[in-house]
Amino acid sequence: LLECARALAAAGWRRPVVVAGNADAQAEIGD
């Protein structure tokens, strides 16, 4: 989950993302 989020962030993804995965990772993904 974190790897996918990092890939999207590194690519400068501009379309909306709904994060509905492991609750323990959500704060880091939000950052």
PDB file of all heavy atoms in Angstrom:
ATOM      1  N   LEU A   1       0.828  -1.207   0.000  1.00  0.00           N
ATOM      2  CA  LEU A   1       0.000   0.000   0.000  1.00  0.00           C
ATOM      3  C   LEU A   1       0.862   1.257   0.000  1.00  0.00           C
ATOM      4  O   LEU A   1       0.640   2.192  -0.782  1.00  0.00           O
ATOM      5  CB  LEU A   1      -0.930  -0.020   1.217  1.00  0.00           C
ATOM      6  CG  LEU A   1      -1.913   1.155   1.354  1.00  0.00           C
ATOM      7  CD1 LEU A   1      -2.940   1.131   0.234  1.00  0.00           C
ATOM      8  CD2 LEU A   1      -2.614   1.090   2.717  1.00  0.00           C
ATOM      9  N   LEU A   2       1.866   1.279   0.862  1.00  0.00           N
ATOM     10  CA  LEU A   2       2.763   2.438   0.923  1.00  0.00           C
ATOM     11  C   LEU A   2       3.589   2.573  -0.351  1.00  0.00           C
ATOM     12  O   LEU A   2       3.811   3.687  -0.848  1.00  0.00           O
ATOM     13  CB  LEU A   2       3.682   2.312   2.140  1.00  0.00           C
ATOM     14  CG  LEU A   2       3.028   2.596   3.498  1.00  0.00           C
ATOM     15  CD1 LEU A   2       3.934   2.126   4.631  1.00  0.00           C
ATOM     16  CD2 LEU A   2       2.740   4.090   3.637  1.00  0.00           C
ATOM     17  N   GLU A   3       4.022   1.462  -0.900  1.00  0.00           N
ATOM     18  CA  GLU A   3       4.792   1.502  -2.144  1.00  0.00           C
ATOM     19  C   GLU A   3       3.969   2.123  -3.278  1.00  0.00           C
ATOM     20  O   GLU A   3       4.465   2.945  -4.056  1.00  0.00           O
ATOM     21  CB  GLU A   3       5.213   0.089  -2.525  1.00  0.00           C
ATOM     22  CG  GLU A   3       5.953  -0.011  -3.859  1.00  0.00           C
ATOM     23  CD  GLU A   3       6.098  -1.445  -4.343  1.00  0.00           C
ATOM     24  OE1 GLU A   3       6.119  -2.357  -3.495  1.00  0.00           O
ATOM     25  OE2 GLU A   3       6.178  -1.635  -5.574  1.00  0.00           O
ATOM     26  N   CYS A   4       2.689   1.739  -3.365  1.00  0.00           N
ATOM     27  CA  CYS A   4       1.821   2.296  -4.403  1.00  0.00           C
ATOM     28  C   CYS A   4       1.615   3.788  -4.196  1.00  0.00           C
ATOM     29  O   CYS A   4       1.634   4.570  -5.164  1.00  0.00           O
ATOM     30  CB  CYS A   4       0.473   1.579  -4.402  1.00  0.00           C
ATOM     31  SG  CYS A   4       0.550  -0.141  -4.935  1.00  0.00           S
ATOM     32  N   ALA A   5       1.415   4.191  -2.948  1.00  0.00           N
ATOM     33  CA  ALA A   5       1.235   5.616  -2.664  1.00  0.00           C
ATOM     34  C   ALA A   5       2.489   6.408  -3.012  1.00  0.00           C
ATOM     35  O   ALA A   5       2.412   7.513  -3.578  1.00  0.00           O
ATOM     36  CB  ALA A   5       0.868   5.803  -1.193  1.00  0.00           C
ATOM     37  N   ARG A   6       3.651   5.864  -2.687  1.00  0.00           N
ATOM     38  CA  ARG A   6       4.906   6.558  -3.015  1.00  0.00           C
ATOM     39  C   ARG A   6       5.086   6.688  -4.531  1.00  0.00           C
ATOM     40  O   ARG A   6       5.546   7.716  -5.030  1.00  0.00           O
ATOM     41  CB  ARG A   6       6.084   5.811  -2.403  1.00  0.00           C
ATOM     42  CG  ARG A   6       6.122   5.857  -0.877  1.00  0.00           C
ATOM     43  CD  ARG A   6       7.343   5.151  -0.317  1.00  0.00           C
ATOM     44  NE  ARG A   6       7.310   5.072   1.136  1.00  0.00           N
ATOM     45  CZ  ARG A   6       7.263   3.944   1.833  1.00  0.00           C
ATOM     46  NH1 ARG A   6       7.280   2.771   1.194  1.00  0.00           N
ATOM     47  NH2 ARG A   6       7.216   3.962   3.159  1.00  0.00           N
ATOM     48  N   ALA A   7       4.696   5.640  -5.270  1.00  0.00           N
ATOM     49  CA  ALA A   7       4.811   5.690  -6.726  1.00  0.00           C
ATOM     50  C   ALA A   7       3.911   6.774  -7.306  1.00  0.00           C
ATOM     51  O   ALA A   7       4.318   7.528  -8.206  1.00  0.00           O
ATOM     52  CB  ALA A   7       4.468   4.325  -7.323  1.00  0.00           C
ATOM     53  N   LEU A   8       2.683   6.871  -6.806  1.00  0.00           N
ATOM     54  CA  LEU A   8       1.770   7.907  -7.285  1.00  0.00           C
ATOM     55  C   LEU A   8       2.290   9.298  -6.935  1.00  0.00           C
ATOM     56  O   LEU A   8       2.267  10.220  -7.762  1.00  0.00           O
ATOM     57  CB  LEU A   8       0.375   7.694  -6.685  1.00  0.00           C
ATOM     58  CG  LEU A   8      -0.409   6.488  -7.186  1.00  0.00           C
ATOM     59  CD1 LEU A   8      -1.651   6.274  -6.328  1.00  0.00           C
ATOM     60  CD2 LEU A   8      -0.812   6.682  -8.647  1.00  0.00           C
ATOM     61  N   ALA A   9       2.785   9.453  -5.714  1.00  0.00           N
ATOM     62  CA  ALA A   9       3.300  10.758  -5.291  1.00  0.00           C
ATOM     63  C   ALA A   9       4.534  11.144  -6.100  1.00  0.00           C
ATOM     64  O   ALA A   9       4.668  12.294  -6.545  1.00  0.00           O
ATOM     65  CB  ALA A   9       3.624  10.728  -3.800  1.00  0.00           C
ATOM     66  N   ALA A  10       5.445  10.193  -6.307  1.00  0.00           N
ATOM     67  CA  ALA A  10       6.667  10.479  -7.072  1.00  0.00           C
ATOM     68  C   ALA A  10       6.352  10.852  -8.509  1.00  0.00           C
ATOM     69  O   ALA A  10       7.078  11.635  -9.141  1.00  0.00           O
ATOM     70  CB  ALA A  10       7.597   9.273  -7.032  1.00  0.00           C
ATOM     71  N   ALA A  11       5.249  10.316  -9.044  1.00  0.00           N
ATOM     72  CA  ALA A  11       4.848  10.619 -10.415  1.00  0.00           C
ATOM     73  C   ALA A  11       4.092  11.937 -10.517  1.00  0.00           C
ATOM     74  O   ALA A  11       3.708  12.347 -11.616  1.00  0.00           O
ATOM     75  CB  ALA A  11       3.986   9.484 -10.956  1.00  0.00           C
ATOM     76  N   GLY A  12       3.878  12.583  -9.381  1.00  0.00           N
ATOM     77  CA  GLY A  12       3.126  13.832  -9.387  1.00  0.00           C
ATOM     78  C   GLY A  12       1.673  13.643  -9.802  1.00  0.00           C
ATOM     79  O   GLY A  12       1.118  14.452 -10.543  1.00  0.00           O
ATOM     80  N   TRP A  13       1.053  12.571  -9.309  1.00  0.00           N
ATOM     81  CA  TRP A  13      -0.325  12.248  -9.695  1.00  0.00           C
ATOM     82  C   TRP A  13      -1.263  13.392  -9.345  1.00  0.00           C
ATOM     83  O   TRP A  13      -1.260  13.878  -8.216  1.00  0.00           O
ATOM     84  CB  TRP A  13      -0.763  10.967  -8.987  1.00  0.00           C
ATOM     85  CG  TRP A  13      -2.032  10.400  -9.524  1.00  0.00           C
ATOM     86  CD1 TRP A  13      -3.289  10.575  -9.024  1.00  0.00           C
ATOM     87  CD2 TRP A  13      -2.176   9.578 -10.682  1.00  0.00           C
ATOM     88  NE1 TRP A  13      -4.203   9.912  -9.794  1.00  0.00           N
ATOM     89  CE2 TRP A  13      -3.553   9.287 -10.818  1.00  0.00           C
ATOM     90  CE3 TRP A  13      -1.281   9.055 -11.612  1.00  0.00           C
ATOM     91  CZ2 TRP A  13      -4.056   8.496 -11.851  1.00  0.00           C
ATOM     92  CZ3 TRP A  13      -1.774   8.261 -12.644  1.00  0.00           C
ATOM     93  CH2 TRP A  13      -3.139   7.990 -12.761  1.00  0.00           C
ATOM     94  N   ARG A  14      -2.090  13.827 -10.317  1.00  0.00           N
ATOM     95  CA  ARG A  14      -2.923  15.002 -10.113  1.00  0.00           C
ATOM     96  C   ARG A  14      -4.413  14.689 -10.024  1.00  0.00           C
ATOM     97  O   ARG A  14      -5.201  15.580  -9.721  1.00  0.00           O
ATOM     98  CB  ARG A  14      -2.694  16.005 -11.252  1.00  0.00           C
ATOM     99  CG  ARG A  14      -1.343  16.688 -11.187  1.00  0.00           C
ATOM    100  CD  ARG A  14      -1.272  17.642  -9.992  1.00  0.00           C
ATOM    101  NE  ARG A  14       0.040  18.248  -9.827  1.00  0.00           N
ATOM    102  CZ  ARG A  14       0.997  17.795  -9.038  1.00  0.00           C
ATOM    103  NH1 ARG A  14       0.780  16.687  -8.328  1.00  0.00           N
ATOM    104  NH2 ARG A  14       2.164  18.391  -8.941  1.00  0.00           N
ATOM    105  N   ARG A  15      -4.780  13.445 -10.313  1.00  0.00           N
ATOM    106  CA  ARG A  15      -6.194  13.095 -10.222  1.00  0.00           C
ATOM    107  C   ARG A  15      -6.519  12.625  -8.808  1.00  0.00           C
ATOM    108  O   ARG A  15      -5.647  12.139  -8.093  1.00  0.00           O
ATOM    109  CB  ARG A  15      -6.532  12.023 -11.254  1.00  0.00           C
ATOM    110  CG  ARG A  15      -6.501  12.589 -12.674  1.00  0.00           C
ATOM    111  CD  ARG A  15      -6.731  11.550 -13.722  1.00  0.00           C
ATOM    112  NE  ARG A  15      -6.768  12.147 -15.050  1.00  0.00           N
ATOM    113  CZ  ARG A  15      -6.501  11.501 -16.158  1.00  0.00           C
ATOM    114  NH1 ARG A  15      -6.163  10.236 -16.107  1.00  0.00           N
ATOM    115  NH2 ARG A  15      -6.573  12.119 -17.327  1.00  0.00           N
ATOM    116  N   PRO A  16      -7.781  12.735  -8.387  1.00  0.00           N
ATOM    117  CA  PRO A  16      -8.147  12.424  -7.003  1.00  0.00           C
ATOM    118  C   PRO A  16      -7.876  10.965  -6.636  1.00  0.00           C
ATOM    119  O   PRO A  16      -8.048  10.060  -7.455  1.00  0.00           O
ATOM    120  CB  PRO A  16      -9.648  12.720  -6.961  1.00  0.00           C
ATOM    121  CG  PRO A  16      -9.904  13.631  -8.104  1.00  0.00           C
ATOM    122  CD  PRO A  16      -8.916  13.278  -9.155  1.00  0.00           C
ATOM    123  N   VAL A  17      -7.470  10.775  -5.382  1.00  0.00           N
ATOM    124  CA  VAL A  17      -7.213   9.436  -4.849  1.00  0.00           C
ATOM    125  C   VAL A  17      -8.030   9.253  -3.577  1.00  0.00           C
ATOM    126  O   VAL A  17      -8.006  10.105  -2.683  1.00  0.00           O
ATOM    127  CB  VAL A  17      -5.720   9.223  -4.540  1.00  0.00           C
ATOM    128  CG1 VAL A  17      -5.488   7.820  -3.973  1.00  0.00           C
ATOM    129  CG2 VAL A  17      -4.861   9.450  -5.780  1.00  0.00           C
ATOM    130  N   VAL A  18      -8.760   8.154  -3.509  1.00  0.00           N
ATOM    131  CA  VAL A  18      -9.457   7.760  -2.284  1.00  0.00           C
ATOM    132  C   VAL A  18      -8.646   6.638  -1.653  1.00  0.00           C
ATOM    133  O   VAL A  18      -8.422   5.589  -2.276  1.00  0.00           O
ATOM    134  CB  VAL A  18     -10.896   7.288  -2.572  1.00  0.00           C
ATOM    135  CG1 VAL A  18     -11.525   6.672  -1.326  1.00  0.00           C
ATOM    136  CG2 VAL A  18     -11.743   8.449  -3.074  1.00  0.00           C
ATOM    137  N   VAL A  19      -8.176   6.864  -0.430  1.00  0.00           N
ATOM    138  CA  VAL A  19      -7.340   5.891   0.277  1.00  0.00           C
ATOM    139  C   VAL A  19      -8.225   5.121   1.248  1.00  0.00           C
ATOM    140  O   VAL A  19      -8.725   5.686   2.217  1.00  0.00           O
ATOM    141  CB  VAL A  19      -6.186   6.582   1.019  1.00  0.00           C
ATOM    142  CG1 VAL A  19      -5.283   5.538   1.669  1.00  0.00           C
ATOM    143  CG2 VAL A  19      -5.395   7.476   0.072  1.00  0.00           C
ATOM    144  N   ALA A  20      -8.428   3.825   0.964  1.00  0.00           N
ATOM    145  CA  ALA A  20      -9.312   3.013   1.791  1.00  0.00           C
ATOM    146  C   ALA A  20      -8.640   1.687   2.117  1.00  0.00           C
ATOM    147  O   ALA A  20      -9.205   0.609   1.931  1.00  0.00           O
ATOM    148  CB  ALA A  20     -10.637   2.783   1.060  1.00  0.00           C
ATOM    149  N   GLY A  21      -7.389   1.774   2.591  1.00  0.00           N
ATOM    150  CA  GLY A  21      -6.629   0.584   2.935  1.00  0.00           C
ATOM    151  C   GLY A  21      -6.259   0.555   4.408  1.00  0.00           C
ATOM    152  O   GLY A  21      -6.891   1.228   5.234  1.00  0.00           O
ATOM    153  N   ASN A  22      -5.226  -0.199   4.720  1.00  0.00           N
ATOM    154  CA  ASN A  22      -4.731  -0.379   6.087  1.00  0.00           C
ATOM    155  C   ASN A  22      -4.705   0.933   6.856  1.00  0.00           C
ATOM    156  O   ASN A  22      -4.025   1.890   6.476  1.00  0.00           O
ATOM    157  CB  ASN A  22      -3.329  -0.984   6.004  1.00  0.00           C
ATOM    158  CG  ASN A  22      -2.804  -1.426   7.345  1.00  0.00           C
ATOM    159  OD1 ASN A  22      -3.167  -0.897   8.384  1.00  0.00           O
ATOM    160  ND2 ASN A  22      -1.903  -2.403   7.318  1.00  0.00           N
ATOM    161  N   ALA A  23      -5.455   0.991   7.939  1.00  0.00           N
ATOM    162  CA  ALA A  23      -5.574   2.238   8.713  1.00  0.00           C
ATOM    163  C   ALA A  23      -4.224   2.702   9.246  1.00  0.00           C
ATOM    164  O   ALA A  23      -3.995   3.913   9.385  1.00  0.00           O
ATOM    165  CB  ALA A  23      -6.555   2.027   9.868  1.00  0.00           C
ATOM    166  N   ASP A  24      -3.305   1.773   9.537  1.00  0.00           N
ATOM    167  CA  ASP A  24      -2.018   2.146  10.110  1.00  0.00           C
ATOM    168  C   ASP A  24      -1.144   2.941   9.143  1.00  0.00           C
ATOM    169  O   ASP A  24      -0.209   3.626   9.559  1.00  0.00           O
ATOM    170  CB  ASP A  24      -1.261   0.889  10.548  1.00  0.00           C
ATOM    171  CG  ASP A  24      -1.944   0.166  11.704  1.00  0.00           C
ATOM    172  OD1 ASP A  24      -2.907   0.729  12.257  1.00  0.00           O
ATOM    173  OD2 ASP A  24      -1.523  -0.950  12.036  1.00  0.00           O
ATOM    174  N   ALA A  25      -1.423   2.838   7.849  1.00  0.00           N
ATOM    175  CA  ALA A  25      -0.590   3.523   6.853  1.00  0.00           C
ATOM    176  C   ALA A  25      -1.199   4.826   6.361  1.00  0.00           C
ATOM    177  O   ALA A  25      -0.556   5.571   5.614  1.00  0.00           O
ATOM    178  CB  ALA A  25      -0.361   2.596   5.661  1.00  0.00           C
ATOM    179  N   GLN A  26      -2.404   5.140   6.755  1.00  0.00           N
ATOM    180  CA  GLN A  26      -3.114   6.249   6.127  1.00  0.00           C
ATOM    181  C   GLN A  26      -2.499   7.613   6.440  1.00  0.00           C
ATOM    182  O   GLN A  26      -2.428   8.493   5.566  1.00  0.00           O
ATOM    183  CB  GLN A  26      -4.584   6.217   6.514  1.00  0.00           C
ATOM    184  CG  GLN A  26      -5.308   5.017   5.923  1.00  0.00           C
ATOM    185  CD  GLN A  26      -6.784   5.266   5.692  1.00  0.00           C
ATOM    186  OE1 GLN A  26      -7.279   6.367   5.850  1.00  0.00           O
ATOM    187  NE2 GLN A  26      -7.496   4.228   5.305  1.00  0.00           N
ATOM    188  N   ALA A  27      -2.028   7.824   7.642  1.00  0.00           N
ATOM    189  CA  ALA A  27      -1.437   9.119   7.988  1.00  0.00           C
ATOM    190  C   ALA A  27      -0.208   9.393   7.122  1.00  0.00           C
ATOM    191  O   ALA A  27      -0.031  10.504   6.590  1.00  0.00           O
ATOM    192  CB  ALA A  27      -1.079   9.164   9.467  1.00  0.00           C
ATOM    193  N   GLU A  28       0.636   8.391   6.954  1.00  0.00           N
ATOM    194  CA  GLU A  28       1.830   8.577   6.129  1.00  0.00           C
ATOM    195  C   GLU A  28       1.454   8.830   4.668  1.00  0.00           C
ATOM    196  O   GLU A  28       2.059   9.670   3.996  1.00  0.00           O
ATOM    197  CB  GLU A  28       2.732   7.339   6.231  1.00  0.00           C
ATOM    198  CG  GLU A  28       4.038   7.475   5.453  1.00  0.00           C
ATOM    199  CD  GLU A  28       4.981   6.296   5.650  1.00  0.00           C
ATOM    200  OE1 GLU A  28       4.754   5.505   6.593  1.00  0.00           O
ATOM    201  OE2 GLU A  28       5.949   6.171   4.856  1.00  0.00           O
ATOM    202  N   ILE A  29       0.455   8.119   4.185  1.00  0.00           N
ATOM    203  CA  ILE A  29       0.010   8.329   2.805  1.00  0.00           C
ATOM    204  C   ILE A  29      -0.562   9.729   2.632  1.00  0.00           C
ATOM    205  O   ILE A  29      -0.307  10.412   1.630  1.00  0.00           O
ATOM    206  CB  ILE A  29      -1.027   7.258   2.416  1.00  0.00           C
ATOM    207  CG1 ILE A  29      -0.352   5.887   2.345  1.00  0.00           C
ATOM    208  CG2 ILE A  29      -1.690   7.590   1.088  1.00  0.00           C
ATOM    209  CD1 ILE A  29      -1.322   4.732   2.147  1.00  0.00           C
ATOM    210  N   GLY A  30      -1.303  10.183   3.620  1.00  0.00           N
ATOM    211  CA  GLY A  30      -1.835  11.542   3.561  1.00  0.00           C
ATOM    212  C   GLY A  30      -0.727  12.578   3.468  1.00  0.00           C
ATOM    213  O   GLY A  30      -0.822  13.543   2.696  1.00  0.00           O
ATOM    214  N   ASP A  31       0.334  12.388   4.224  1.00  0.00           N
ATOM    215  CA  ASP A  31       1.475  13.312   4.164  1.00  0.00           C
ATOM    216  C   ASP A  31       2.138  13.291   2.790  1.00  0.00           C
ATOM    217  O   ASP A  31       2.537  14.333   2.252  1.00  0.00           O
ATOM    218  CB  ASP A  31       2.505  12.948   5.241  1.00  0.00           C
ATOM    219  CG  ASP A  31       1.997  13.223   6.648  1.00  0.00           C
ATOM    220  OD1 ASP A  31       1.057  14.023   6.796  1.00  0.00           O
ATOM    221  OD2 ASP A  31       2.554  12.639   7.603  1.00  0.00           O
TER     222      ASP A  31
END
